[in-house]
């Protein structure tokens, strides 16, 4: 009976460590790729400067260091899923749904402006410290 109790305690203690997402704080750079209805693709550079505190994600996102927009309230990291939104001034609201896959943030961004929307694939890697 004691062995079962020890094993149960070990499983409960180790399980949260495995489920935790590493801290995403830092600069992430990469591309967003959109596929047109005719099959043509277009890729643009994109970057995020993220700050993670627990499950809360803040920071900025945009095409380059000079054009960054703040992450709106509600940016979150939960069980490996990363979600946040940025409003481009005079442009679309961009909603990101990403996962950490082999050290890279990958997923989709849905851009919505007025009655139109489009989705792009997102692939970002952590920028190396200089």
Protein backbone atom coordinates (compact mmCIF):
# COMPACT_ATOMS: atom_id res chain seq x y z
CA UNK A 1 0.00 0.00 0.00
CA UNK A 2 2.83 2.40 0.85
CA UNK A 3 4.45 1.67 -2.52
CA UNK A 4 1.25 2.69 -4.34
CA UNK A 5 1.05 5.90 -2.33
CA UNK A 6 4.67 6.75 -3.15
CA UNK A 7 4.12 6.01 -6.85
CA UNK A 8 0.95 8.12 -6.93
CA UNK A 9 2.76 11.01 -5.26
CA UNK A 10 5.64 10.72 -7.74
CA UNK A 11 3.27 10.78 -10.72
CA UNK A 12 1.39 13.80 -9.36
CA UNK A 13 4.64 15.64 -8.65
CA UNK A 14 6.20 14.96 -12.07
CA UNK A 15 3.10 15.47 -14.25
CA UNK A 16 2.96 19.30 -13.98
CA UNK A 17 6.63 19.64 -14.89
CA UNK A 18 6.04 17.80 -18.17
CA UNK A 19 2.90 19.84 -18.97
CA UNK A 20 4.51 23.24 -18.43
CA UNK A 21 5.43 25.40 -21.41
CA UNK A 22 8.91 26.93 -21.26
CA UNK A 23 9.04 30.68 -20.67
CA UNK A 24 8.37 32.39 -24.00
CA UNK A 25 9.83 35.74 -22.92
CA UNK A 26 12.11 37.13 -25.63
CA UNK A 27 12.21 38.12 -29.28
CA UNK A 28 10.79 35.73 -31.86
CA UNK A 29 11.38 36.22 -35.60
CA UNK A 30 10.24 34.39 -38.69
CA UNK A 31 7.60 34.51 -41.38
CA UNK A 32 3.90 34.59 -42.04
CA UNK A 33 2.89 32.79 -45.24
CA UNK A 34 -0.42 33.31 -47.01
CA UNK A 35 -1.67 31.01 -49.76
CA UNK A 36 -3.91 32.66 -52.35
CA UNK A 37 -6.94 30.84 -53.80
CA UNK A 38 -4.94 30.16 -56.98
CA UNK A 39 -2.21 28.40 -54.95
CA UNK A 40 0.41 31.15 -55.05
CA UNK A 41 2.10 31.87 -51.73
CA UNK A 42 3.44 35.08 -50.28
CA UNK A 43 5.70 35.23 -47.22
CA UNK A 44 6.49 38.30 -45.14
CA UNK A 45 8.88 38.77 -42.24
CA UNK A 46 7.30 39.04 -38.81
CA UNK A 47 8.52 39.37 -35.25
CA UNK A 48 7.21 39.38 -31.69
CA UNK A 49 8.78 40.70 -28.50
CA UNK A 50 7.04 38.66 -25.80
CA UNK A 51 6.90 38.78 -22.01
CA UNK A 52 5.36 35.82 -20.20
CA UNK A 53 4.37 35.92 -16.53
CA UNK A 54 2.70 32.66 -15.63
CA UNK A 55 -0.12 32.20 -18.13
CA UNK A 56 -0.28 35.91 -19.08
CA UNK A 57 1.41 37.03 -22.30
CA UNK A 58 2.18 40.68 -23.09
CA UNK A 59 4.49 42.46 -25.51
CA UNK A 60 4.38 43.57 -29.12
CA UNK A 61 4.15 42.07 -32.61
CA UNK A 62 4.66 43.41 -36.11
CA UNK A 63 6.58 43.10 -39.38
CA UNK A 64 9.86 44.51 -38.00
CA UNK A 65 11.43 46.22 -34.97
CA UNK A 66 10.24 49.65 -36.15
CA UNK A 67 6.60 48.58 -36.72
CA UNK A 68 5.36 46.86 -33.57
CA UNK A 69 1.83 46.89 -32.15
CA UNK A 70 0.95 46.09 -28.53
CA UNK A 71 -0.60 42.77 -27.64
CA UNK A 72 -4.13 43.44 -26.40
CA UNK A 73 -5.28 42.29 -22.97
CA UNK A 74 -6.01 38.61 -23.00
CA UNK A 75 -2.71 37.29 -24.37
CA UNK A 76 -2.31 33.83 -22.85
CA UNK A 77 -0.19 30.71 -22.64
CA UNK A 78 -2.08 27.61 -21.54
CA UNK A 79 -1.02 23.96 -21.91
CA UNK A 80 1.31 24.80 -24.79
CA UNK A 81 -1.27 26.91 -26.65
CA UNK A 82 -0.33 30.56 -27.22
CA UNK A 83 -3.04 33.08 -28.08
CA UNK A 84 -2.91 36.85 -28.49
CA UNK A 85 -4.32 39.68 -30.57
CA UNK A 86 -2.81 42.87 -31.96
CA UNK A 87 -4.64 45.73 -33.63
CA UNK A 88 -2.75 47.25 -36.54
CA UNK A 89 -3.56 50.99 -36.66
CA UNK A 90 -5.75 51.64 -39.71
CA UNK A 91 -5.43 47.94 -40.50
CA UNK A 92 -6.69 44.51 -39.53
CA UNK A 93 -7.11 42.98 -36.10
CA UNK A 94 -4.68 40.06 -36.02
CA UNK A 95 -5.57 37.05 -33.84
CA UNK A 96 -2.77 34.52 -33.30
CA UNK A 97 -3.24 30.87 -32.29
CA UNK A 98 0.17 29.23 -31.92
CA UNK A 99 1.83 26.20 -30.31
CA UNK A 100 5.43 25.62 -29.29
CA UNK A 101 6.68 22.92 -31.67
CA UNK A 102 10.31 21.80 -31.35
CA UNK A 103 11.35 25.21 -30.01
CA UNK A 104 9.37 27.21 -32.60
CA UNK A 105 6.08 29.08 -32.30
CA UNK A 106 3.91 27.76 -35.12
CA UNK A 107 0.26 28.09 -36.05
CA UNK A 108 -2.07 30.58 -37.66
CA UNK A 109 -2.93 34.25 -37.67
CA UNK A 110 -6.43 35.38 -38.63
CA UNK A 111 -6.57 38.98 -39.89
CA UNK A 112 -9.98 40.69 -39.91
CA UNK A 113 -10.79 44.11 -41.37
CA UNK A 114 -14.39 45.24 -41.77
CA UNK A 115 -16.20 42.35 -43.49
CA UNK A 116 -13.09 40.61 -44.85
CA UNK A 117 -10.63 38.17 -43.31
CA UNK A 118 -7.73 35.95 -44.27
CA UNK A 119 -5.53 33.39 -42.55
CA UNK A 120 -1.75 32.98 -42.73
CA UNK A 121 0.61 30.31 -41.43
CA UNK A 122 3.04 31.56 -38.77
CA UNK A 123 6.52 30.16 -38.05
CA UNK A 124 8.71 32.00 -35.51
CA UNK A 125 11.97 31.04 -33.84
CA UNK A 126 13.52 32.53 -30.71
CA UNK A 127 16.10 35.15 -31.61
CA UNK A 128 19.57 34.28 -30.32
CA UNK A 129 21.05 36.57 -27.68
CA UNK A 130 23.68 38.89 -29.13
